[in-house]
């Protein structure tokens, strides 16, 4: 039987973490375009893995993760204030390069579009 409570709690944590990260004053976190890619919570709500990514790439994401780890106590306290949970999960931050990867794929797709438009236009000119 699927656990809808875990899914709801995960969404609540994701939403609140997004708001809390705007308040973090660490320059490693504040000076970049930080995005929460995915939040995973264990079934017993003891651990929460947060995957973060930046537009600047994986190295910048790793620097931001170091800042988030140092601010984990503040983030966890704020999360506890905003959500009514019996036990606030321990936060584990991990860096990913998914935004950079998505941007690269988008650029590749945009490079293909003019070639496809040119291929479609060529047969209509022969008629």
PDB file of N, CA and C in Angstrom:
ATOM      1  N   UNK A   1       0.844  -1.180   0.000  1.00  0.00           N
ATOM      2  CA  UNK A   1       0.000   0.000   0.000  1.00  0.00           C
ATOM      3  C   UNK A   1       0.889   1.244   0.000  1.00  0.00           C
ATOM      4  N   UNK A   2       0.686   2.168  -0.960  1.00  0.00           N
ATOM      5  CA  UNK A   2       1.531   3.361  -1.021  1.00  0.00           C
ATOM      6  C   UNK A   2       1.269   4.284   0.157  1.00  0.00           C
ATOM      7  N   UNK A   3       2.332   4.958   0.560  1.00  0.00           N
ATOM      8  CA  UNK A   3       2.226   5.851   1.698  1.00  0.00           C
ATOM      9  C   UNK A   3       2.067   7.292   1.210  1.00  0.00           C
ATOM     10  N   UNK A   4       0.852   7.778   1.254  1.00  0.00           N
ATOM     11  CA  UNK A   4       0.583   9.134   0.799  1.00  0.00           C
ATOM     12  C   UNK A   4       1.084  10.165   1.790  1.00  0.00           C
ATOM     13  N   UNK A   5       1.175   9.774   3.065  1.00  0.00           N
ATOM     14  CA  UNK A   5       1.659  10.699   4.079  1.00  0.00           C
ATOM     15  C   UNK A   5       3.121  11.060   3.820  1.00  0.00           C
ATOM     16  N   UNK A   6       3.932  10.083   3.442  1.00  0.00           N
ATOM     17  CA  UNK A   6       5.343  10.346   3.131  1.00  0.00           C
ATOM     18  C   UNK A   6       5.443  11.281   1.926  1.00  0.00           C
ATOM     19  N   UNK A   7       4.621  11.046   0.910  1.00  0.00           N
ATOM     20  CA  UNK A   7       4.638  11.904  -0.279  1.00  0.00           C
ATOM     21  C   UNK A   7       4.238  13.340   0.068  1.00  0.00           C
ATOM     22  N   UNK A   8       3.206  13.479   0.890  1.00  0.00           N
ATOM     23  CA  UNK A   8       2.777  14.813   1.313  1.00  0.00           C
ATOM     24  C   UNK A   8       3.845  15.507   2.139  1.00  0.00           C
ATOM     25  N   UNK A   9       4.450  14.759   3.042  1.00  0.00           N
ATOM     26  CA  UNK A   9       5.502  15.328   3.881  1.00  0.00           C
ATOM     27  C   UNK A   9       6.696  15.742   3.038  1.00  0.00           C
ATOM     28  N   UNK A  10       7.045  14.932   2.055  1.00  0.00           N
ATOM     29  CA  UNK A  10       8.154  15.269   1.154  1.00  0.00           C
ATOM     30  C   UNK A  10       7.867  16.563   0.408  1.00  0.00           C
ATOM     31  N   UNK A  11       6.662  16.720  -0.088  1.00  0.00           N
ATOM     32  CA  UNK A  11       6.286  17.953  -0.789  1.00  0.00           C
ATOM     33  C   UNK A  11       6.309  19.157   0.152  1.00  0.00           C
ATOM     34  N   UNK A  12       5.839  18.968   1.372  1.00  0.00           N
ATOM     35  CA  UNK A  12       5.859  20.060   2.349  1.00  0.00           C
ATOM     36  C   UNK A  12       7.294  20.477   2.674  1.00  0.00           C
ATOM     37  N   UNK A  13       8.158  19.496   2.863  1.00  0.00           N
ATOM     38  CA  UNK A  13       9.560  19.790   3.158  1.00  0.00           C
ATOM     39  C   UNK A  13      10.203  20.504   1.984  1.00  0.00           C
ATOM     40  N   UNK A  14       9.925  20.057   0.766  1.00  0.00           N
ATOM     41  CA  UNK A  14      10.485  20.694  -0.431  1.00  0.00           C
ATOM     42  C   UNK A  14      10.044  22.156  -0.507  1.00  0.00           C
ATOM     43  N   UNK A  15       8.772  22.401  -0.291  1.00  0.00           N
ATOM     44  CA  UNK A  15       8.232  23.764  -0.359  1.00  0.00           C
ATOM     45  C   UNK A  15       8.858  24.664   0.704  1.00  0.00           C
ATOM     46  N   UNK A  16       8.945  24.177   1.924  1.00  0.00           N
ATOM     47  CA  UNK A  16       9.492  24.985   3.010  1.00  0.00           C
ATOM     48  C   UNK A  16      10.997  25.196   2.862  1.00  0.00           C
ATOM     49  N   UNK A  17      11.718  24.175   2.385  1.00  0.00           N
ATOM     50  CA  UNK A  17      13.159  24.342   2.176  1.00  0.00           C
ATOM     51  C   UNK A  17      13.438  25.404   1.121  1.00  0.00           C
ATOM     52  N   UNK A  18      12.608  25.450   0.091  1.00  0.00           N
ATOM     53  CA  UNK A  18      12.773  26.473  -0.935  1.00  0.00           C
ATOM     54  C   UNK A  18      12.655  27.868  -0.332  1.00  0.00           C
ATOM     55  N   UNK A  19      11.699  28.042   0.559  1.00  0.00           N
ATOM     56  CA  UNK A  19      11.516  29.347   1.218  1.00  0.00           C
ATOM     57  C   UNK A  19      12.647  29.636   2.198  1.00  0.00           C
ATOM     58  N   UNK A  20      13.091  28.623   2.923  1.00  0.00           N
ATOM     59  CA  UNK A  20      14.151  28.816   3.925  1.00  0.00           C
ATOM     60  C   UNK A  20      15.477  29.163   3.258  1.00  0.00           C
ATOM     61  N   UNK A  21      15.757  28.566   2.107  1.00  0.00           N
ATOM     62  CA  UNK A  21      17.040  28.821   1.436  1.00  0.00           C
ATOM     63  C   UNK A  21      17.178  30.275   0.996  1.00  0.00           C
ATOM     64  N   UNK A  22      16.072  30.970   0.829  1.00  0.00           N
ATOM     65  CA  UNK A  22      16.133  32.399   0.504  1.00  0.00           C
ATOM     66  C   UNK A  22      16.633  33.222   1.681  1.00  0.00           C
ATOM     67  N   UNK A  23      16.487  32.670   2.901  1.00  0.00           N
ATOM     68  CA  UNK A  23      16.878  33.394   4.106  1.00  0.00           C
ATOM     69  C   UNK A  23      18.301  33.090   4.557  1.00  0.00           C
ATOM     70  N   UNK A  24      18.934  32.080   3.988  1.00  0.00           N
ATOM     71  CA  UNK A  24      20.298  31.709   4.388  1.00  0.00           C
ATOM     72  C   UNK A  24      21.248  32.808   3.940  1.00  0.00           C
ATOM     73  N   UNK A  25      22.106  33.262   4.858  1.00  0.00           N
ATOM     74  CA  UNK A  25      22.985  34.396   4.576  1.00  0.00           C
ATOM     75  C   UNK A  25      24.414  33.991   4.226  1.00  0.00           C
ATOM     76  N   UNK A  26      24.688  32.701   4.168  1.00  0.00           N
ATOM     77  CA  UNK A  26      26.023  32.233   3.813  1.00  0.00           C
ATOM     78  C   UNK A  26      26.328  32.630   2.362  1.00  0.00           C
ATOM     79  N   UNK A  27      27.460  33.311   2.102  1.00  0.00           N
ATOM     80  CA  UNK A  27      27.753  33.756   0.735  1.00  0.00           C
ATOM     81  C   UNK A  27      27.917  32.607  -0.255  1.00  0.00           C
ATOM     82  N   UNK A  28      28.279  31.419   0.221  1.00  0.00           N
ATOM     83  CA  UNK A  28      28.409  30.268  -0.683  1.00  0.00           C
ATOM     84  C   UNK A  28      27.050  29.829  -1.211  1.00  0.00           C
ATOM     85  N   UNK A  29      25.995  30.153  -0.478  1.00  0.00           N
ATOM     86  CA  UNK A  29      24.638  29.774  -0.872  1.00  0.00           C
ATOM     87  C   UNK A  29      23.908  30.941  -1.519  1.00  0.00           C
ATOM     88  N   UNK A  30      24.101  32.123  -0.965  1.00  0.00           N
ATOM     89  CA  UNK A  30      23.335  33.289  -1.397  1.00  0.00           C
ATOM     90  C   UNK A  30      23.754  33.819  -2.769  1.00  0.00           C
ATOM     91  N   UNK A  31      25.020  33.683  -3.124  1.00  0.00           N
ATOM     92  CA  UNK A  31      25.544  34.290  -4.347  1.00  0.00           C
ATOM     93  C   UNK A  31      25.427  33.407  -5.576  1.00  0.00           C
ATOM     94  N   UNK A  32      24.501  32.438  -5.586  1.00  0.00           N
ATOM     95  CA  UNK A  32      24.344  31.584  -6.765  1.00  0.00           C
ATOM     96  C   UNK A  32      22.865  31.299  -6.994  1.00  0.00           C
ATOM     97  N   UNK A  33      22.553  30.887  -8.208  1.00  0.00           N
ATOM     98  CA  UNK A  33      21.185  30.486  -8.529  1.00  0.00           C
ATOM     99  C   UNK A  33      21.026  29.032  -8.111  1.00  0.00           C
ATOM    100  N   UNK A  34      20.514  28.827  -6.917  1.00  0.00           N
ATOM    101  CA  UNK A  34      20.406  27.505  -6.322  1.00  0.00           C
ATOM    102  C   UNK A  34      19.002  26.954  -6.531  1.00  0.00           C
ATOM    103  N   UNK A  35      18.932  25.687  -6.915  1.00  0.00           N
ATOM    104  CA  UNK A  35      17.645  25.055  -7.134  1.00  0.00           C
ATOM    105  C   UNK A  35      17.613  23.709  -6.434  1.00  0.00           C
ATOM    106  N   UNK A  36      16.497  23.421  -5.779  1.00  0.00           N
ATOM    107  CA  UNK A  36      16.300  22.105  -5.189  1.00  0.00           C
ATOM    108  C   UNK A  36      15.750  21.195  -6.270  1.00  0.00           C
ATOM    109  N   UNK A  37      16.529  20.210  -6.650  1.00  0.00           N
ATOM    110  CA  UNK A  37      16.125  19.318  -7.726  1.00  0.00           C
ATOM    111  C   UNK A  37      15.156  18.260  -7.217  1.00  0.00           C
ATOM    112  N   UNK A  38      15.521  17.632  -6.093  1.00  0.00           N
ATOM    113  CA  UNK A  38      14.703  16.541  -5.579  1.00  0.00           C
ATOM    114  C   UNK A  38      14.897  16.445  -4.071  1.00  0.00           C
ATOM    115  N   UNK A  39      13.846  16.038  -3.378  1.00  0.00           N
ATOM    116  CA  UNK A  39      13.903  15.810  -1.942  1.00  0.00           C
ATOM    117  C   UNK A  39      13.392  14.394  -1.695  1.00  0.00           C
ATOM    118  N   UNK A  40      14.178  13.599  -0.966  1.00  0.00           N
ATOM    119  CA  UNK A  40      13.781  12.233  -0.632  1.00  0.00           C
ATOM    120  C   UNK A  40      13.786  12.095   0.887  1.00  0.00           C
ATOM    121  N   UNK A  41      12.697  11.575   1.433  1.00  0.00           N
ATOM    122  CA  UNK A  41      12.569  11.375   2.872  1.00  0.00           C
ATOM    123  C   UNK A  41      12.457   9.879   3.134  1.00  0.00           C
ATOM    124  N   UNK A  42      13.167   9.385   4.158  1.00  0.00           N
ATOM    125  CA  UNK A  42      13.062   7.977   4.506  1.00  0.00           C
ATOM    126  C   UNK A  42      11.693   7.704   5.119  1.00  0.00           C
ATOM    127  N   UNK A  43      11.303   6.435   5.145  1.00  0.00           N
ATOM    128  CA  UNK A  43       9.971   6.059   5.639  1.00  0.00           C
ATOM    129  C   UNK A  43       9.748   6.432   7.099  1.00  0.00           C
ATOM    130  N   UNK A  44      10.805   6.403   7.907  1.00  0.00           N
ATOM    131  CA  UNK A  44      10.642   6.740   9.320  1.00  0.00           C
ATOM    132  C   UNK A  44      10.886   8.229   9.602  1.00  0.00           C
ATOM    133  N   UNK A  45      11.051   9.020   8.561  1.00  0.00           N
ATOM    134  CA  UNK A  45      11.254  10.472   8.654  1.00  0.00           C
ATOM    135  C   UNK A  45      12.488  10.859   9.465  1.00  0.00           C
ATOM    136  N   UNK A  46      13.511  10.016   9.462  1.00  0.00           N
ATOM    137  CA  UNK A  46      14.710  10.355  10.224  1.00  0.00           C
ATOM    138  C   UNK A  46      15.757  11.053   9.362  1.00  0.00           C
ATOM    139  N   UNK A  47      15.755  10.815   8.054  1.00  0.00           N
ATOM    140  CA  UNK A  47      16.716  11.442   7.154  1.00  0.00           C
ATOM    141  C   UNK A  47      15.997  12.024   5.952  1.00  0.00           C
ATOM    142  N   UNK A  48      16.533  13.133   5.488  1.00  0.00           N
ATOM    143  CA  UNK A  48      15.999  13.790   4.301  1.00  0.00           C
ATOM    144  C   UNK A  48      17.177  14.140   3.397  1.00  0.00           C
ATOM    145  N   UNK A  49      17.219  13.549   2.217  1.00  0.00           N
ATOM    146  CA  UNK A  49      18.279  13.831   1.259  1.00  0.00           C
ATOM    147  C   UNK A  49      17.784  14.895   0.286  1.00  0.00           C
ATOM    148  N   UNK A  50      18.545  15.985   0.187  1.00  0.00           N
ATOM    149  CA  UNK A  50      18.169  17.116  -0.653  1.00  0.00           C
ATOM    150  C   UNK A  50      19.211  17.245  -1.758  1.00  0.00           C
ATOM    151  N   UNK A  51      18.771  17.123  -3.010  1.00  0.00           N
ATOM    152  CA  UNK A  51      19.657  17.251  -4.159  1.00  0.00           C
ATOM    153  C   UNK A  51      19.553  18.686  -4.677  1.00  0.00           C
ATOM    154  N   UNK A  52      20.705  19.374  -4.720  1.00  0.00           N
ATOM    155  CA  UNK A  52      20.739  20.767  -5.156  1.00  0.00           C
ATOM    156  C   UNK A  52      21.594  20.908  -6.406  1.00  0.00           C
ATOM    157  N   UNK A  53      21.239  21.891  -7.202  1.00  0.00           N
ATOM    158  CA  UNK A  53      21.966  22.154  -8.433  1.00  0.00           C
ATOM    159  C   UNK A  53      22.013  23.662  -8.664  1.00  0.00           C
ATOM    160  N   UNK A  54      23.047  24.112  -9.370  1.00  0.00           N
ATOM    161  CA  UNK A  54      23.168  25.528  -9.722  1.00  0.00           C
ATOM    162  C   UNK A  54      23.371  25.658 -11.227  1.00  0.00           C
ATOM    163  N   UNK A  55      23.110  26.850 -11.711  1.00  0.00           N
ATOM    164  CA  UNK A  55      23.314  27.112 -13.141  1.00  0.00           C
ATOM    165  C   UNK A  55      24.795  27.146 -13.500  1.00  0.00           C
ATOM    166  N   UNK A  56      25.640  27.415 -12.513  1.00  0.00           N
ATOM    167  CA  UNK A  56      27.073  27.569 -12.780  1.00  0.00           C
ATOM    168  C   UNK A  56      27.813  26.249 -12.916  1.00  0.00           C
ATOM    169  N   UNK A  57      27.180  25.130 -12.623  1.00  0.00           N
ATOM    170  CA  UNK A  57      27.826  23.841 -12.803  1.00  0.00           C
ATOM    171  C   UNK A  57      28.026  23.072 -11.507  1.00  0.00           C
ATOM    172  N   UNK A  58      28.646  21.916 -11.642  1.00  0.00           N
ATOM    173  CA  UNK A  58      28.791  20.991 -10.521  1.00  0.00           C
ATOM    174  C   UNK A  58      29.735  21.516  -9.452  1.00  0.00           C
ATOM    175  N   UNK A  59      30.834  22.164  -9.844  1.00  0.00           N
ATOM    176  CA  UNK A  59      31.781  22.684  -8.850  1.00  0.00           C
ATOM    177  C   UNK A  59      31.126  23.748  -7.975  1.00  0.00           C
ATOM    178  N   UNK A  60      30.330  24.610  -8.579  1.00  0.00           N
ATOM    179  CA  UNK A  60      29.620  25.642  -7.817  1.00  0.00           C
ATOM    180  C   UNK A  60      28.574  25.008  -6.905  1.00  0.00           C
ATOM    181  N   UNK A  61      27.957  23.917  -7.380  1.00  0.00           N
ATOM    182  CA  UNK A  61      26.985  23.203  -6.558  1.00  0.00           C
ATOM    183  C   UNK A  61      27.652  22.597  -5.334  1.00  0.00           C
ATOM    184  N   UNK A  62      28.861  22.073  -5.514  1.00  0.00           N
ATOM    185  CA  UNK A  62      29.589  21.486  -4.385  1.00  0.00           C
ATOM    186  C   UNK A  62      29.939  22.552  -3.353  1.00  0.00           C
ATOM    187  N   UNK A  63      30.302  23.741  -3.820  1.00  0.00           N
ATOM    188  CA  UNK A  63      30.580  24.846  -2.900  1.00  0.00           C
ATOM    189  C   UNK A  63      29.319  25.242  -2.135  1.00  0.00           C
ATOM    190  N   UNK A  64      28.184  25.277  -2.836  1.00  0.00           N
ATOM    191  CA  UNK A  64      26.922  25.615  -2.193  1.00  0.00           C
ATOM    192  C   UNK A  64      26.535  24.556  -1.168  1.00  0.00           C
ATOM    193  N   UNK A  65      26.811  23.291  -1.463  1.00  0.00           N
ATOM    194  CA  UNK A  65      26.506  22.208  -0.527  1.00  0.00           C
ATOM    195  C   UNK A  65      27.316  22.368   0.753  1.00  0.00           C
ATOM    196  N   UNK A  66      28.565  22.805   0.639  1.00  0.00           N
ATOM    197  CA  UNK A  66      29.382  23.050   1.837  1.00  0.00           C
ATOM    198  C   UNK A  66      28.740  24.143   2.699  1.00  0.00           C
ATOM    199  N   UNK A  67      28.240  25.190   2.060  1.00  0.00           N
ATOM    200  CA  UNK A  67      27.551  26.252   2.788  1.00  0.00           C
ATOM    201  C   UNK A  67      26.259  25.758   3.426  1.00  0.00           C
ATOM    202  N   UNK A  68      25.539  24.889   2.716  1.00  0.00           N
ATOM    203  CA  UNK A  68      24.302  24.350   3.268  1.00  0.00           C
ATOM    204  C   UNK A  68      24.574  23.426   4.450  1.00  0.00           C
ATOM    205  N   UNK A  69      25.661  22.672   4.369  1.00  0.00           N
ATOM    206  CA  UNK A  69      26.009  21.787   5.485  1.00  0.00           C
ATOM    207  C   UNK A  69      26.348  22.592   6.733  1.00  0.00           C
ATOM    208  N   UNK A  70      27.016  23.722   6.556  1.00  0.00           N
ATOM    209  CA  UNK A  70      27.345  24.541   7.722  1.00  0.00           C
ATOM    210  C   UNK A  70      26.109  25.248   8.282  1.00  0.00           C
ATOM    211  N   UNK A  71      25.100  25.461   7.448  1.00  0.00           N
ATOM    212  CA  UNK A  71      23.863  26.113   7.895  1.00  0.00           C
ATOM    213  C   UNK A  71      22.757  25.095   8.180  1.00  0.00           C
ATOM    214  N   UNK A  72      23.094  23.817   8.241  1.00  0.00           N
ATOM    215  CA  UNK A  72      22.080  22.762   8.397  1.00  0.00           C
ATOM    216  C   UNK A  72      21.310  22.904   9.699  1.00  0.00           C
ATOM    217  N   UNK A  73      21.965  23.328  10.767  1.00  0.00           N
ATOM    218  CA  UNK A  73      21.269  23.512  12.038  1.00  0.00           C
ATOM    219  C   UNK A  73      20.196  24.577  11.951  1.00  0.00           C
ATOM    220  N   UNK A  74      20.529  25.708  11.340  1.00  0.00           N
ATOM    221  CA  UNK A  74      19.560  26.787  11.147  1.00  0.00           C
ATOM    222  C   UNK A  74      18.405  26.318  10.270  1.00  0.00           C
ATOM    223  N   UNK A  75      18.727  25.623   9.173  1.00  0.00           N
ATOM    224  CA  UNK A  75      17.699  25.169   8.234  1.00  0.00           C
ATOM    225  C   UNK A  75      16.771  24.167   8.918  1.00  0.00           C
ATOM    226  N   UNK A  76      17.347  23.256   9.686  1.00  0.00           N
ATOM    227  CA  UNK A  76      16.548  22.246  10.374  1.00  0.00           C
ATOM    228  C   UNK A  76      15.642  22.884  11.435  1.00  0.00           C
ATOM    229  N   UNK A  77      16.161  23.872  12.167  1.00  0.00           N
ATOM    230  CA  UNK A  77      15.364  24.564  13.177  1.00  0.00           C
ATOM    231  C   UNK A  77      14.184  25.300  12.526  1.00  0.00           C
ATOM    232  N   UNK A  78      14.458  26.008  11.431  1.00  0.00           N
ATOM    233  CA  UNK A  78      13.396  26.720  10.717  1.00  0.00           C
ATOM    234  C   UNK A  78      12.360  25.748  10.151  1.00  0.00           C
ATOM    235  N   UNK A  79      12.817  24.614   9.668  1.00  0.00           N
ATOM    236  CA  UNK A  79      11.901  23.601   9.148  1.00  0.00           C
ATOM    237  C   UNK A  79      10.994  23.082  10.260  1.00  0.00           C
ATOM    238  N   UNK A  80      11.564  22.895  11.431  1.00  0.00           N
ATOM    239  CA  UNK A  80      10.775  22.445  12.574  1.00  0.00           C
ATOM    240  C   UNK A  80       9.747  23.473  13.008  1.00  0.00           C
ATOM    241  N   UNK A  81      10.080  24.757  12.900  1.00  0.00           N
ATOM    242  CA  UNK A  81       9.128  25.816  13.263  1.00  0.00           C
ATOM    243  C   UNK A  81       7.955  25.871  12.286  1.00  0.00           C
ATOM    244  N   UNK A  82       8.237  25.632  11.004  1.00  0.00           N
ATOM    245  CA  UNK A  82       7.222  25.811   9.971  1.00  0.00           C
ATOM    246  C   UNK A  82       6.337  24.585   9.774  1.00  0.00           C
ATOM    247  N   UNK A  83       6.856  23.394  10.056  1.00  0.00           N
ATOM    248  CA  UNK A  83       6.079  22.166   9.872  1.00  0.00           C
ATOM    249  C   UNK A  83       5.789  21.537  11.225  1.00  0.00           C
ATOM    250  N   UNK A  84       4.629  20.955  11.345  1.00  0.00           N
ATOM    251  CA  UNK A  84       4.290  20.283  12.602  1.00  0.00           C
ATOM    252  C   UNK A  84       4.652  18.803  12.486  1.00  0.00           C
ATOM    253  N   UNK A  85       5.922  18.513  12.701  1.00  0.00           N
ATOM    254  CA  UNK A  85       6.415  17.146  12.663  1.00  0.00           C
ATOM    255  C   UNK A  85       6.885  16.755  14.059  1.00  0.00           C
ATOM    256  N   UNK A  86       6.676  15.527  14.414  1.00  0.00           N
ATOM    257  CA  UNK A  86       7.148  15.058  15.713  1.00  0.00           C
ATOM    258  C   UNK A  86       8.670  15.043  15.744  1.00  0.00           C
ATOM    259  N   UNK A  87       9.262  14.634  14.639  1.00  0.00           N
ATOM    260  CA  UNK A  87      10.720  14.564  14.543  1.00  0.00           C
ATOM    261  C   UNK A  87      11.139  15.209  13.222  1.00  0.00           C
ATOM    262  N   UNK A  88      11.941  16.256  13.289  1.00  0.00           N
ATOM    263  CA  UNK A  88      12.429  16.913  12.074  1.00  0.00           C
ATOM    264  C   UNK A  88      13.591  16.085  11.543  1.00  0.00           C
ATOM    265  N   UNK A  89      13.546  15.672  10.285  1.00  0.00           N
ATOM    266  CA  UNK A  89      14.590  14.791   9.763  1.00  0.00           C
ATOM    267  C   UNK A  89      15.949  15.480   9.663  1.00  0.00           C
ATOM    268  N   UNK A  90      16.990  14.679   9.784  1.00  0.00           N
ATOM    269  CA  UNK A  90      18.350  15.181   9.589  1.00  0.00           C
ATOM    270  C   UNK A  90      18.540  15.428   8.096  1.00  0.00           C
ATOM    271  N   UNK A  91      19.089  16.576   7.747  1.00  0.00           N
ATOM    272  CA  UNK A  91      19.219  16.976   6.346  1.00  0.00           C
ATOM    273  C   UNK A  91      20.569  16.546   5.791  1.00  0.00           C
ATOM    274  N   UNK A  92      20.534  15.913   4.623  1.00  0.00           N
ATOM    275  CA  UNK A  92      21.741  15.507   3.903  1.00  0.00           C
ATOM    276  C   UNK A  92      21.682  16.195   2.549  1.00  0.00           C
ATOM    277  N   UNK A  93      22.663  17.031   2.264  1.00  0.00           N
ATOM    278  CA  UNK A  93      22.688  17.779   1.008  1.00  0.00           C
ATOM    279  C   UNK A  93      23.656  17.120   0.040  1.00  0.00           C
ATOM    280  N   UNK A  94      23.227  16.972  -1.221  1.00  0.00           N
ATOM    281  CA  UNK A  94      24.071  16.391  -2.257  1.00  0.00           C
ATOM    282  C   UNK A  94      24.010  17.277  -3.499  1.00  0.00           C
ATOM    283  N   UNK A  95      25.165  17.449  -4.142  1.00  0.00           N
ATOM    284  CA  UNK A  95      25.249  18.286  -5.340  1.00  0.00           C
ATOM    285  C   UNK A  95      24.986  17.449  -6.590  1.00  0.00           C
ATOM    286  N   UNK A  96      24.250  18.026  -7.511  1.00  0.00           N
ATOM    287  CA  UNK A  96      24.025  17.396  -8.814  1.00  0.00           C
ATOM    288  C   UNK A  96      24.264  18.440  -9.899  1.00  0.00           C
ATOM    289  N   UNK A  97      24.414  17.982 -11.109  1.00  0.00           N
ATOM    290  CA  UNK A  97      24.603  18.904 -12.233  1.00  0.00           C
ATOM    291  C   UNK A  97      23.422  18.828 -13.195  1.00  0.00           C
ATOM    292  N   UNK A  98      22.244  18.557 -12.690  1.00  0.00           N
ATOM    293  CA  UNK A  98      21.090  18.332 -13.545  1.00  0.00           C
ATOM    294  C   UNK A  98      20.649  19.598 -14.292  1.00  0.00           C
ATOM    295  N   UNK A  99      20.789  20.771 -13.693  1.00  0.00           N
ATOM    296  CA  UNK A  99      20.412  22.002 -14.403  1.00  0.00           C
ATOM    297  C   UNK A  99      21.364  22.241 -15.562  1.00  0.00           C
ATOM    298  N   UNK A 100      22.653  22.072 -15.317  1.00  0.00           N
ATOM    299  CA  UNK A 100      23.638  22.231 -16.387  1.00  0.00           C
ATOM    300  C   UNK A 100      23.398  21.206 -17.493  1.00  0.00           C
ATOM    301  N   UNK A 101      23.089  19.976 -17.123  1.00  0.00           N
ATOM    302  CA  UNK A 101      22.817  18.917 -18.090  1.00  0.00           C
ATOM    303  C   UNK A 101      21.561  19.246 -18.905  1.00  0.00           C
ATOM    304  N   UNK A 102      20.516  19.728 -18.231  1.00  0.00           N
ATOM    305  CA  UNK A 102      19.290  20.108 -18.929  1.00  0.00           C
ATOM    306  C   UNK A 102      19.504  21.267 -19.891  1.00  0.00           C
ATOM    307  N   UNK A 103      20.329  22.223 -19.499  1.00  0.00           N
ATOM    308  CA  UNK A 103      20.654  23.345 -20.381  1.00  0.00           C
ATOM    309  C   UNK A 103      21.410  22.855 -21.609  1.00  0.00           C
ATOM    310  N   UNK A 104      22.325  21.919 -21.408  1.00  0.00           N
ATOM    311  CA  UNK A 104      23.094  21.359 -22.531  1.00  0.00           C
ATOM    312  C   UNK A 104      22.165  20.630 -23.509  1.00  0.00           C
ATOM    313  N   UNK A 105      21.242  19.842 -23.000  1.00  0.00           N
ATOM    314  CA  UNK A 105      20.290  19.122 -23.856  1.00  0.00           C
ATOM    315  C   UNK A 105      19.404  20.120 -24.609  1.00  0.00           C
ATOM    316  N   UNK A 106      18.976  21.174 -23.931  1.00  0.00           N
ATOM    317  CA  UNK A 106      18.149  22.188 -24.572  1.00  0.00           C
ATOM    318  C   UNK A 106      18.896  22.873 -25.723  1.00  0.00           C
ATOM    319  N   UNK A 107      20.174  23.162 -25.507  1.00  0.00           N
ATOM    320  CA  UNK A 107      20.977  23.771 -26.569  1.00  0.00           C
ATOM    321  C   UNK A 107      21.117  22.831 -27.759  1.00  0.00           C
ATOM    322  N   UNK A 108      21.318  21.555 -27.495  1.00  0.00           N
ATOM    323  CA  UNK A 108      21.420  20.587 -28.584  1.00  0.00           C
ATOM    324  C   UNK A 108      20.121  20.512 -29.379  1.00  0.00           C
ATOM    325  N   UNK A 109      18.996  20.569 -28.710  1.00  0.00           N
ATOM    326  CA  UNK A 109      17.713  20.530 -29.402  1.00  0.00           C
ATOM    327  C   UNK A 109      17.476  21.789 -30.227  1.00  0.00           C
ATOM    328  N   UNK A 110      17.906  22.942 -29.699  1.00  0.00           N
ATOM    329  CA  UNK A 110      17.748  24.185 -30.470  1.00  0.00           C
ATOM    330  C   UNK A 110      18.657  24.199 -31.692  1.00  0.00           C
ATOM    331  N   UNK A 111      19.800  23.545 -31.620  1.00  0.00           N
ATOM    332  CA  UNK A 111      20.685  23.455 -32.782  1.00  0.00           C
ATOM    333  C   UNK A 111      20.083  22.575 -33.868  1.00  0.00           C
ATOM    334  N   UNK A 112      19.278  21.608 -33.517  1.00  0.00           N
ATOM    335  CA  UNK A 112      18.649  20.724 -34.496  1.00  0.00           C
ATOM    336  C   UNK A 112      17.471  21.369 -35.201  1.00  0.00           C
ATOM    337  N   UNK A 113      16.779  22.304 -34.572  1.00  0.00           N
ATOM    338  CA  UNK A 113      15.581  22.909 -35.145  1.00  0.00           C
ATOM    339  C   UNK A 113      15.818  23.613 -36.482  1.00  0.00           C
ATOM    340  N   UNK A 114      16.858  24.447 -36.653  1.00  0.00           N
ATOM    341  CA  UNK A 114      17.052  25.089 -37.956  1.00  0.00           C
ATOM    342  C   UNK A 114      17.335  24.086 -39.071  1.00  0.00           C
ATOM    343  N   UNK A 115      18.045  23.006 -38.756  1.00  0.00           N
ATOM    344  CA  UNK A 115      18.326  21.986 -39.768  1.00  0.00           C
ATOM    345  C   UNK A 115      17.043  21.309 -40.208  1.00  0.00           C
ATOM    346  N   UNK A 116      16.144  21.016 -39.281  1.00  0.00           N
ATOM    347  CA  UNK A 116      14.881  20.377 -39.628  1.00  0.00           C
ATOM    348  C   UNK A 116      13.993  21.328 -40.415  1.00  0.00           C
ATOM    349  N   UNK A 117      13.999  22.596 -40.061  1.00  0.00           N
ATOM    350  CA  UNK A 117      13.194  23.583 -40.805  1.00  0.00           C
ATOM    351  C   UNK A 117      13.731  23.733 -42.222  1.00  0.00           C
ATOM    352  N   UNK A 118      15.048  23.697 -42.389  1.00  0.00           N
ATOM    353  CA  UNK A 118      15.648  23.774 -43.710  1.00  0.00           C
ATOM    354  C   UNK A 118      15.343  22.556 -44.558  1.00  0.00           C
ATOM    355  N   UNK A 119      15.291  21.395 -43.963  1.00  0.00           N
ATOM    356  CA  UNK A 119      14.987  20.157 -44.684  1.00  0.00           C
ATOM    357  C   UNK A 119      13.542  20.159 -45.149  1.00  0.00           C
ATOM    358  N   UNK A 120      12.651  20.690 -44.371  1.00  0.00           N
ATOM    359  CA  UNK A 120      11.235  20.722 -44.733  1.00  0.00           C
ATOM    360  C   UNK A 120      10.961  21.769 -45.805  1.00  0.00           C
ATOM    361  N   UNK A 121      11.714  22.846 -45.803  1.00  0.00           N
ATOM    362  CA  UNK A 121      11.503  23.926 -46.776  1.00  0.00           C
ATOM    363  C   UNK A 121      12.019  23.533 -48.163  1.00  0.00           C
ATOM    364  N   UNK A 122      13.022  22.710 -48.227  1.00  0.00           N
ATOM    365  CA  UNK A 122      13.651  22.346 -49.520  1.00  0.00           C
ATOM    366  C   UNK A 122      12.681  21.625 -50.455  1.00  0.00           C
ATOM    367  N   UNK A 123      11.900  20.630 -50.062  1.00  0.00           N
ATOM    368  CA  UNK A 123      10.994  19.976 -50.994  1.00  0.00           C
ATOM    369  C   UNK A 123       9.883  20.891 -51.503  1.00  0.00           C
ATOM    370  N   UNK A 124       9.442  21.843 -50.735  1.00  0.00           N
ATOM    371  CA  UNK A 124       8.351  22.706 -51.171  1.00  0.00           C
ATOM    372  C   UNK A 124       8.820  23.684 -52.251  1.00  0.00           C
ATOM    373  N   UNK A 125      10.128  23.994 -52.293  1.00  0.00           N
ATOM    374  CA  UNK A 125      10.639  24.904 -53.323  1.00  0.00           C
ATOM    375  C   UNK A 125      10.763  24.205 -54.669  1.00  0.00           C
ATOM    376  N   UNK A 126      10.923  22.891 -54.677  1.00  0.00           N
ATOM    377  CA  UNK A 126      11.056  22.145 -55.935  1.00  0.00           C
ATOM    378  C   UNK A 126       9.746  22.041 -56.680  1.00  0.00           C
ATOM    379  N   UNK A 127       8.619  22.117 -55.995  1.00  0.00           N
ATOM    380  CA  UNK A 127       7.310  21.984 -56.626  1.00  0.00           C
ATOM    381  C   UNK A 127       6.985  23.178 -57.383  1.00  0.00           C
TER     382      UNK A 127
END
